[in-house]
Amino acid sequence: MIKGVNRQVVEITKPNSEYFERVVFYVKPEFSSTSHGTLRERASIMAGSAGTPPKTKIKRKRFLSFISASFWLSMGAVIYAIASNIFN
């Protein structure tokens, strides 16, 4: 929410995208006199044309999962090595 600024907002609650549940558009002041129906129609078109998230976000999530799994596997190997030296 922008405090101290009056803005016209169009909110699309069920866009035709499997990735988003709600999309909020802030209307430019020069188009604030445009009818609500026209603004809502344009916003629906824009929200429906949203594609998949950028691949960089997907790759980063996979990379972080790989790093986490590698860390825990190496910790397991260290614990195993310590335990095998103690009990032998």
PDB file of N, CA and C in Angstrom:
ATOM      1  N   MET A   1       0.842  -1.178   0.000  1.00  0.00           N
ATOM      2  CA  MET A   1       0.000   0.000   0.000  1.00  0.00           C
ATOM      3  C   MET A   1       0.884   1.237   0.000  1.00  0.00           C
ATOM      4  N   ILE A   2       0.581   2.178  -0.853  1.00  0.00           N
ATOM      5  CA  ILE A   2       1.321   3.425  -0.923  1.00  0.00           C
ATOM      6  C   ILE A   2       0.642   4.415   0.008  1.00  0.00           C
ATOM      7  N   LYS A   3       1.373   4.872   1.019  1.00  0.00           N
ATOM      8  CA  LYS A   3       0.782   5.789   1.994  1.00  0.00           C
ATOM      9  C   LYS A   3       0.868   7.219   1.485  1.00  0.00           C
ATOM     10  N   GLY A   4      -0.195   7.967   1.679  1.00  0.00           N
ATOM     11  CA  GLY A   4      -0.200   9.379   1.330  1.00  0.00           C
ATOM     12  C   GLY A   4      -0.401   9.676  -0.138  1.00  0.00           C
ATOM     13  N   VAL A   5      -0.654   8.660  -0.933  1.00  0.00           N
ATOM     14  CA  VAL A   5      -0.840   8.863  -2.370  1.00  0.00           C
ATOM     15  C   VAL A   5      -2.155   8.204  -2.771  1.00  0.00           C
ATOM     16  N   ASN A   6      -2.983   8.943  -3.463  1.00  0.00           N
ATOM     17  CA  ASN A   6      -4.235   8.369  -3.956  1.00  0.00           C
ATOM     18  C   ASN A   6      -3.987   7.807  -5.343  1.00  0.00           C
ATOM     19  N   ARG A   7      -4.217   6.536  -5.490  1.00  0.00           N
ATOM     20  CA  ARG A   7      -4.033   5.864  -6.772  1.00  0.00           C
ATOM     21  C   ARG A   7      -5.269   5.036  -7.075  1.00  0.00           C
ATOM     22  N   GLN A   8      -5.569   4.914  -8.358  1.00  0.00           N
ATOM     23  CA  GLN A   8      -6.631   4.014  -8.768  1.00  0.00           C
ATOM     24  C   GLN A   8      -6.000   2.647  -8.989  1.00  0.00           C
ATOM     25  N   VAL A   9      -6.623   1.632  -8.432  1.00  0.00           N
ATOM     26  CA  VAL A   9      -6.081   0.278  -8.474  1.00  0.00           C
ATOM     27  C   VAL A   9      -7.100  -0.649  -9.101  1.00  0.00           C
ATOM     28  N   VAL A  10      -6.616  -1.574  -9.943  1.00  0.00           N
ATOM     29  CA  VAL A  10      -7.449  -2.637 -10.499  1.00  0.00           C
ATOM     30  C   VAL A  10      -6.850  -3.944 -10.004  1.00  0.00           C
ATOM     31  N   GLU A  11      -7.678  -4.757  -9.355  1.00  0.00           N
ATOM     32  CA  GLU A  11      -7.196  -6.026  -8.811  1.00  0.00           C
ATOM     33  C   GLU A  11      -7.912  -7.174  -9.510  1.00  0.00           C
ATOM     34  N   ILE A  12      -7.145  -8.102 -10.036  1.00  0.00           N
ATOM     35  CA  ILE A  12      -7.676  -9.305 -10.672  1.00  0.00           C
ATOM     36  C   ILE A  12      -7.431 -10.448  -9.688  1.00  0.00           C
ATOM     37  N   THR A  13      -8.525 -11.043  -9.166  1.00  0.00           N
ATOM     38  CA  THR A  13      -8.368 -12.046  -8.116  1.00  0.00           C
ATOM     39  C   THR A  13      -8.182 -13.466  -8.635  1.00  0.00           C
ATOM     40  N   LYS A  14      -8.655 -13.769  -9.814  1.00  0.00           N
ATOM     41  CA  LYS A  14      -8.469 -15.113 -10.361  1.00  0.00           C
ATOM     42  C   LYS A  14      -7.971 -15.012 -11.802  1.00  0.00           C
ATOM     43  N   PRO A  15      -6.699 -14.687 -11.989  1.00  0.00           N
ATOM     44  CA  PRO A  15      -6.179 -14.592 -13.355  1.00  0.00           C
ATOM     45  C   PRO A  15      -6.082 -15.977 -13.997  1.00  0.00           C
ATOM     46  N   ASN A  16      -5.980 -15.998 -15.293  1.00  0.00           N
ATOM     47  CA  ASN A  16      -5.880 -17.263 -16.028  1.00  0.00           C
ATOM     48  C   ASN A  16      -4.445 -17.763 -16.030  1.00  0.00           C
ATOM     49  N   SER A  17      -3.829 -17.800 -14.884  1.00  0.00           N
ATOM     50  CA  SER A  17      -2.455 -18.259 -14.753  1.00  0.00           C
ATOM     51  C   SER A  17      -2.372 -19.209 -13.573  1.00  0.00           C
ATOM     52  N   GLU A  18      -1.661 -20.293 -13.750  1.00  0.00           N
ATOM     53  CA  GLU A  18      -1.527 -21.259 -12.666  1.00  0.00           C
ATOM     54  C   GLU A  18      -0.520 -20.808 -11.613  1.00  0.00           C
ATOM     55  N   TYR A  19       0.232 -19.751 -11.891  1.00  0.00           N
ATOM     56  CA  TYR A  19       1.281 -19.303 -10.980  1.00  0.00           C
ATOM     57  C   TYR A  19       0.841 -18.201 -10.032  1.00  0.00           C
ATOM     58  N   PHE A  20      -0.218 -17.464 -10.372  1.00  0.00           N
ATOM     59  CA  PHE A  20      -0.611 -16.305  -9.593  1.00  0.00           C
ATOM     60  C   PHE A  20      -2.053 -16.432  -9.123  1.00  0.00           C
ATOM     61  N   GLU A  21      -2.312 -16.014  -7.894  1.00  0.00           N
ATOM     62  CA  GLU A  21      -3.688 -16.040  -7.394  1.00  0.00           C
ATOM     63  C   GLU A  21      -4.321 -14.664  -7.399  1.00  0.00           C
ATOM     64  N   ARG A  22      -3.493 -13.614  -7.438  1.00  0.00           N
ATOM     65  CA  ARG A  22      -4.019 -12.250  -7.449  1.00  0.00           C
ATOM     66  C   ARG A  22      -2.985 -11.339  -8.108  1.00  0.00           C
ATOM     67  N   VAL A  23      -3.476 -10.426  -8.942  1.00  0.00           N
ATOM     68  CA  VAL A  23      -2.612  -9.457  -9.610  1.00  0.00           C
ATOM     69  C   VAL A  23      -3.185  -8.070  -9.350  1.00  0.00           C
ATOM     70  N   VAL A  24      -2.323  -7.126  -8.958  1.00  0.00           N
ATOM     71  CA  VAL A  24      -2.748  -5.761  -8.668  1.00  0.00           C
ATOM     72  C   VAL A  24      -2.084  -4.821  -9.677  1.00  0.00           C
ATOM     73  N   PHE A  25      -2.892  -3.997 -10.331  1.00  0.00           N
ATOM     74  CA  PHE A  25      -2.402  -3.017 -11.288  1.00  0.00           C
ATOM     75  C   PHE A  25      -2.666  -1.620 -10.748  1.00  0.00           C
ATOM     76  N   TYR A  26      -1.674  -0.743 -10.846  1.00  0.00           N
ATOM     77  CA  TYR A  26      -1.836   0.661 -10.489  1.00  0.00           C
ATOM     78  C   TYR A  26      -2.036   1.440 -11.783  1.00  0.00           C
ATOM     79  N   VAL A  27      -3.138   2.162 -11.863  1.00  0.00           N
ATOM     80  CA  VAL A  27      -3.507   2.890 -13.078  1.00  0.00           C
ATOM     81  C   VAL A  27      -2.752   4.219 -13.110  1.00  0.00           C
ATOM     82  N   LYS A  28      -2.195   4.544 -14.278  1.00  0.00           N
ATOM     83  CA  LYS A  28      -1.517   5.828 -14.447  1.00  0.00           C
ATOM     84  C   LYS A  28      -2.541   6.947 -14.318  1.00  0.00           C
ATOM     85  N   PRO A  29      -2.137   8.079 -13.741  1.00  0.00           N
ATOM     86  CA  PRO A  29      -3.087   9.174 -13.529  1.00  0.00           C
ATOM     87  C   PRO A  29      -3.769   9.664 -14.810  1.00  0.00           C
ATOM     88  N   GLU A  30      -3.078   9.628 -15.936  1.00  0.00           N
ATOM     89  CA  GLU A  30      -3.692  10.114 -17.174  1.00  0.00           C
ATOM     90  C   GLU A  30      -4.792   9.192 -17.702  1.00  0.00           C
ATOM     91  N   PHE A  31      -4.856   7.950 -17.191  1.00  0.00           N
ATOM     92  CA  PHE A  31      -5.896   7.022 -17.619  1.00  0.00           C
ATOM     93  C   PHE A  31      -6.940   6.783 -16.530  1.00  0.00           C
ATOM     94  N   SER A  32      -6.925   7.576 -15.487  1.00  0.00           N
ATOM     95  CA  SER A  32      -7.868   7.377 -14.388  1.00  0.00           C
ATOM     96  C   SER A  32      -9.313   7.672 -14.794  1.00  0.00           C
ATOM     97  N   SER A  33      -9.519   8.434 -15.870  1.00  0.00           N
ATOM     98  CA  SER A  33     -10.879   8.730 -16.315  1.00  0.00           C
ATOM     99  C   SER A  33     -11.449   7.636 -17.223  1.00  0.00           C
ATOM    100  N   THR A  34     -10.623   6.649 -17.578  1.00  0.00           N
ATOM    101  CA  THR A  34     -11.079   5.534 -18.408  1.00  0.00           C
ATOM    102  C   THR A  34     -12.065   4.691 -17.604  1.00  0.00           C
ATOM    103  N   SER A  35     -13.038   4.126 -18.272  1.00  0.00           N
ATOM    104  CA  SER A  35     -14.073   3.361 -17.568  1.00  0.00           C
ATOM    105  C   SER A  35     -13.477   2.149 -16.854  1.00  0.00           C
ATOM    106  N   HIS A  36     -14.109   1.791 -15.750  1.00  0.00           N
ATOM    107  CA  HIS A  36     -13.639   0.672 -14.942  1.00  0.00           C
ATOM    108  C   HIS A  36     -13.667  -0.636 -15.741  1.00  0.00           C
ATOM    109  N   GLY A  37     -14.674  -0.803 -16.572  1.00  0.00           N
ATOM    110  CA  GLY A  37     -14.787  -2.015 -17.388  1.00  0.00           C
ATOM    111  C   GLY A  37     -13.623  -2.170 -18.353  1.00  0.00           C
ATOM    112  N   THR A  38     -13.235  -1.068 -19.001  1.00  0.00           N
ATOM    113  CA  THR A  38     -12.114  -1.107 -19.930  1.00  0.00           C
ATOM    114  C   THR A  38     -10.811  -1.421 -19.199  1.00  0.00           C
ATOM    115  N   LEU A  39     -10.612  -0.767 -18.053  1.00  0.00           N
ATOM    116  CA  LEU A  39      -9.397  -1.019 -17.274  1.00  0.00           C
ATOM    117  C   LEU A  39      -9.338  -2.470 -16.807  1.00  0.00           C
ATOM    118  N   ARG A  40     -10.473  -2.979 -16.360  1.00  0.00           N
ATOM    119  CA  ARG A  40     -10.516  -4.361 -15.882  1.00  0.00           C
ATOM    120  C   ARG A  40     -10.265  -5.343 -17.026  1.00  0.00           C
ATOM    121  N   GLU A  41     -10.810  -5.056 -18.189  1.00  0.00           N
ATOM    122  CA  GLU A  41     -10.595  -5.922 -19.351  1.00  0.00           C
ATOM    123  C   GLU A  41      -9.120  -5.959 -19.734  1.00  0.00           C
ATOM    124  N   ARG A  42      -8.488  -4.776 -19.798  1.00  0.00           N
ATOM    125  CA  ARG A  42      -7.058  -4.710 -20.135  1.00  0.00           C
ATOM    126  C   ARG A  42      -6.212  -5.424 -19.078  1.00  0.00           C
ATOM    127  N   ALA A  43      -6.570  -5.230 -17.809  1.00  0.00           N
ATOM    128  CA  ALA A  43      -5.829  -5.879 -16.726  1.00  0.00           C
ATOM    129  C   ALA A  43      -5.964  -7.404 -16.810  1.00  0.00           C
ATOM    130  N   SER A  44      -7.155  -7.892 -17.157  1.00  0.00           N
ATOM    131  CA  SER A  44      -7.357  -9.334 -17.292  1.00  0.00           C
ATOM    132  C   SER A  44      -6.512  -9.903 -18.417  1.00  0.00           C
ATOM    133  N   ILE A  45      -6.417  -9.172 -19.519  1.00  0.00           N
ATOM    134  CA  ILE A  45      -5.593  -9.615 -20.641  1.00  0.00           C
ATOM    135  C   ILE A  45      -4.128  -9.685 -20.226  1.00  0.00           C
ATOM    136  N   MET A  46      -3.670  -8.636 -19.533  1.00  0.00           N
ATOM    137  CA  MET A  46      -2.281  -8.605 -19.090  1.00  0.00           C
ATOM    138  C   MET A  46      -1.999  -9.728 -18.084  1.00  0.00           C
ATOM    139  N   ALA A  47      -2.911  -9.947 -17.145  1.00  0.00           N
ATOM    140  CA  ALA A  47      -2.717 -10.985 -16.135  1.00  0.00           C
ATOM    141  C   ALA A  47      -2.731 -12.374 -16.765  1.00  0.00           C
ATOM    142  N   GLY A  48      -3.573 -12.570 -17.770  1.00  0.00           N
ATOM    143  CA  GLY A  48      -3.646 -13.861 -18.437  1.00  0.00           C
ATOM    144  C   GLY A  48      -2.437 -14.174 -19.283  1.00  0.00           C
ATOM    145  N   SER A  49      -1.736 -13.127 -19.726  1.00  0.00           N
ATOM    146  CA  SER A  49      -0.572 -13.351 -20.577  1.00  0.00           C
ATOM    147  C   SER A  49       0.705 -13.565 -19.779  1.00  0.00           C
ATOM    148  N   ALA A  50       0.612 -13.532 -18.450  1.00  0.00           N
ATOM    149  CA  ALA A  50       1.798 -13.779 -17.615  1.00  0.00           C
ATOM    150  C   ALA A  50       2.215 -15.226 -17.778  1.00  0.00           C
ATOM    151  N   GLY A  51       3.449 -15.435 -18.076  1.00  0.00           N
ATOM    152  CA  GLY A  51       3.959 -16.785 -18.298  1.00  0.00           C
ATOM    153  C   GLY A  51       4.519 -17.400 -17.040  1.00  0.00           C
ATOM    154  N   THR A  52       5.423 -18.316 -17.240  1.00  0.00           N
ATOM    155  CA  THR A  52       6.062 -18.997 -16.119  1.00  0.00           C
ATOM    156  C   THR A  52       7.046 -18.056 -15.430  1.00  0.00           C
ATOM    157  N   PRO A  53       7.414 -18.357 -14.198  1.00  0.00           N
ATOM    158  CA  PRO A  53       8.418 -17.527 -13.528  1.00  0.00           C
ATOM    159  C   PRO A  53       9.738 -17.583 -14.291  1.00  0.00           C
ATOM    160  N   PRO A  54      10.576 -16.573 -14.143  1.00  0.00           N
ATOM    161  CA  PRO A  54      11.862 -16.586 -14.845  1.00  0.00           C
ATOM    162  C   PRO A  54      12.687 -17.817 -14.476  1.00  0.00           C
ATOM    163  N   LYS A  55      13.417 -18.339 -15.441  1.00  0.00           N
ATOM    164  CA  LYS A  55      14.193 -19.547 -15.224  1.00  0.00           C
ATOM    165  C   LYS A  55      15.266 -19.357 -14.162  1.00  0.00           C
ATOM    166  N   THR A  56      15.734 -18.126 -13.971  1.00  0.00           N
ATOM    167  CA  THR A  56      16.759 -17.889 -12.960  1.00  0.00           C
ATOM    168  C   THR A  56      16.241 -18.237 -11.572  1.00  0.00           C
ATOM    169  N   LYS A  57      14.974 -17.976 -11.291  1.00  0.00           N
ATOM    170  CA  LYS A  57      14.399 -18.316  -9.988  1.00  0.00           C
ATOM    171  C   LYS A  57      14.343 -19.832  -9.817  1.00  0.00           C
ATOM    172  N   ILE A  58      13.951 -20.535 -10.883  1.00  0.00           N
ATOM    173  CA  ILE A  58      13.852 -21.988 -10.822  1.00  0.00           C
ATOM    174  C   ILE A  58      15.248 -22.591 -10.647  1.00  0.00           C
ATOM    175  N   LYS A  59      16.229 -22.113 -11.400  1.00  0.00           N
ATOM    176  CA  LYS A  59      17.585 -22.630 -11.294  1.00  0.00           C
ATOM    177  C   LYS A  59      18.173 -22.349  -9.923  1.00  0.00           C
ATOM    178  N   ARG A  60      17.896 -21.179  -9.378  1.00  0.00           N
ATOM    179  CA  ARG A  60      18.425 -20.844  -8.060  1.00  0.00           C
ATOM    180  C   ARG A  60      17.876 -21.784  -6.994  1.00  0.00           C
ATOM    181  N   LYS A  61      16.589 -22.094  -7.084  1.00  0.00           N
ATOM    182  CA  LYS A  61      15.981 -22.998  -6.113  1.00  0.00           C
ATOM    183  C   LYS A  61      16.620 -24.385  -6.204  1.00  0.00           C
ATOM    184  N   ARG A  62      16.855 -24.871  -7.420  1.00  0.00           N
ATOM    185  CA  ARG A  62      17.510 -26.172  -7.593  1.00  0.00           C
ATOM    186  C   ARG A  62      18.934 -26.132  -7.061  1.00  0.00           C
ATOM    187  N   PHE A  63      19.634 -25.035  -7.318  1.00  0.00           N
ATOM    188  CA  PHE A  63      21.010 -24.889  -6.863  1.00  0.00           C
ATOM    189  C   PHE A  63      21.069 -24.912  -5.340  1.00  0.00           C
ATOM    190  N   LEU A  64      20.175 -24.174  -4.683  1.00  0.00           N
ATOM    191  CA  LEU A  64      20.163 -24.152  -3.225  1.00  0.00           C
ATOM    192  C   LEU A  64      19.809 -25.520  -2.656  1.00  0.00           C
ATOM    193  N   SER A  65      18.923 -26.248  -3.295  1.00  0.00           N
ATOM    194  CA  SER A  65      18.589 -27.599  -2.858  1.00  0.00           C
ATOM    195  C   SER A  65      19.795 -28.522  -2.992  1.00  0.00           C
ATOM    196  N   PHE A  66      20.534 -28.367  -4.078  1.00  0.00           N
ATOM    197  CA  PHE A  66      21.735 -29.174  -4.302  1.00  0.00           C
ATOM    198  C   PHE A  66      22.787 -28.877  -3.236  1.00  0.00           C
ATOM    199  N   ILE A  67      23.001 -27.599  -2.929  1.00  0.00           N
ATOM    200  CA  ILE A  67      23.971 -27.209  -1.912  1.00  0.00           C
ATOM    201  C   ILE A  67      23.563 -27.779  -0.553  1.00  0.00           C
ATOM    202  N   SER A  68      22.297 -27.680  -0.212  1.00  0.00           N
ATOM    203  CA  SER A  68      21.804 -28.203   1.064  1.00  0.00           C
ATOM    204  C   SER A  68      22.004 -29.713   1.147  1.00  0.00           C
ATOM    205  N   ALA A  69      21.650 -30.424   0.097  1.00  0.00           N
ATOM    206  CA  ALA A  69      21.807 -31.881   0.097  1.00  0.00           C
ATOM    207  C   ALA A  69      23.284 -32.259   0.193  1.00  0.00           C
ATOM    208  N   SER A  70      24.143 -31.544  -0.500  1.00  0.00           N
ATOM    209  CA  SER A  70      25.584 -31.819  -0.439  1.00  0.00           C
ATOM    210  C   SER A  70      26.118 -31.603   0.970  1.00  0.00           C
ATOM    211  N   PHE A  71      25.676 -30.537   1.609  1.00  0.00           N
ATOM    212  CA  PHE A  71      26.116 -30.251   2.974  1.00  0.00           C
ATOM    213  C   PHE A  71      25.738 -31.381   3.917  1.00  0.00           C
ATOM    214  N   TRP A  72      24.468 -31.799   3.859  1.00  0.00           N
ATOM    215  CA  TRP A  72      24.025 -32.836   4.782  1.00  0.00           C
ATOM    216  C   TRP A  72      24.658 -34.188   4.471  1.00  0.00           C
ATOM    217  N   LEU A  73      24.931 -34.494   3.214  1.00  0.00           N
ATOM    218  CA  LEU A  73      25.630 -35.734   2.888  1.00  0.00           C
ATOM    219  C   LEU A  73      27.054 -35.716   3.420  1.00  0.00           C
ATOM    220  N   SER A  74      27.726 -34.574   3.293  1.00  0.00           N
ATOM    221  CA  SER A  74      29.098 -34.484   3.805  1.00  0.00           C
ATOM    222  C   SER A  74      29.109 -34.552   5.328  1.00  0.00           C
ATOM    223  N   MET A  75      28.119 -33.972   5.986  1.00  0.00           N
ATOM    224  CA  MET A  75      28.030 -34.072   7.444  1.00  0.00           C
ATOM    225  C   MET A  75      27.815 -35.525   7.869  1.00  0.00           C
ATOM    226  N   GLY A  76      27.020 -36.252   7.133  1.00  0.00           N
ATOM    227  CA  GLY A  76      26.812 -37.670   7.424  1.00  0.00           C
ATOM    228  C   GLY A  76      28.093 -38.464   7.266  1.00  0.00           C
ATOM    229  N   ALA A  77      28.867 -38.147   6.223  1.00  0.00           N
ATOM    230  CA  ALA A  77      30.140 -38.837   6.010  1.00  0.00           C
ATOM    231  C   ALA A  77      31.127 -38.542   7.134  1.00  0.00           C
ATOM    232  N   VAL A  78      31.160 -37.299   7.594  1.00  0.00           N
ATOM    233  CA  VAL A  78      32.053 -36.925   8.696  1.00  0.00           C
ATOM    234  C   VAL A  78      31.645 -37.655   9.978  1.00  0.00           C
ATOM    235  N   ILE A  79      30.362 -37.685  10.278  1.00  0.00           N
ATOM    236  CA  ILE A  79      29.891 -38.377  11.482  1.00  0.00           C
ATOM    237  C   ILE A  79      30.198 -39.868  11.395  1.00  0.00           C
ATOM    238  N   TYR A  80      30.019 -40.452  10.218  1.00  0.00           N
ATOM    239  CA  TYR A  80      30.338 -41.870  10.037  1.00  0.00           C
ATOM    240  C   TYR A  80      31.822 -42.122  10.254  1.00  0.00           C
ATOM    241  N   ALA A  81      32.679 -41.250   9.705  1.00  0.00           N
ATOM    242  CA  ALA A  81      34.127 -41.422   9.861  1.00  0.00           C
ATOM    243  C   ALA A  81      34.526 -41.316  11.329  1.00  0.00           C
ATOM    244  N   ILE A  82      33.970 -40.360  12.032  1.00  0.00           N
ATOM    245  CA  ILE A  82      34.274 -40.188  13.459  1.00  0.00           C
ATOM    246  C   ILE A  82      33.792 -41.390  14.251  1.00  0.00           C
ATOM    247  N   ALA A  83      32.569 -41.838  13.973  1.00  0.00           N
ATOM    248  CA  ALA A  83      32.009 -42.981  14.696  1.00  0.00           C
ATOM    249  C   ALA A  83      32.795 -44.256  14.409  1.00  0.00           C
ATOM    250  N   SER A  84      33.233 -44.456  13.200  1.00  0.00           N
ATOM    251  CA  SER A  84      33.984 -45.680  12.876  1.00  0.00           C
ATOM    252  C   SER A  84      35.366 -45.663  13.521  1.00  0.00           C
ATOM    253  N   ASN A  85      35.969 -44.488  13.711  1.00  0.00           N
ATOM    254  CA  ASN A  85      37.262 -44.422  14.396  1.00  0.00           C
ATOM    255  C   ASN A  85      37.092 -44.645  15.896  1.00  0.00           C
ATOM    256  N   ILE A  86      36.009 -44.188  16.478  1.00  0.00           N
ATOM    257  CA  ILE A  86      35.793 -44.336  17.919  1.00  0.00           C
ATOM    258  C   ILE A  86      35.506 -45.792  18.269  1.00  0.00           C
ATOM    259  N   PHE A  87      34.672 -46.461  17.487  1.00  0.00           N
ATOM    260  CA  PHE A  87      34.229 -47.802  17.831  1.00  0.00           C
ATOM    261  C   PHE A  87      35.133 -48.904  17.278  1.00  0.00           C
ATOM    262  N   ASN A  88      36.214 -48.575  16.625  1.00  0.00           N
ATOM    263  CA  ASN A  88      37.142 -49.607  16.125  1.00  0.00           C
ATOM    264  C   ASN A  88      38.380 -49.671  16.924  1.00  0.00           C
TER     265      ASN A  88
END
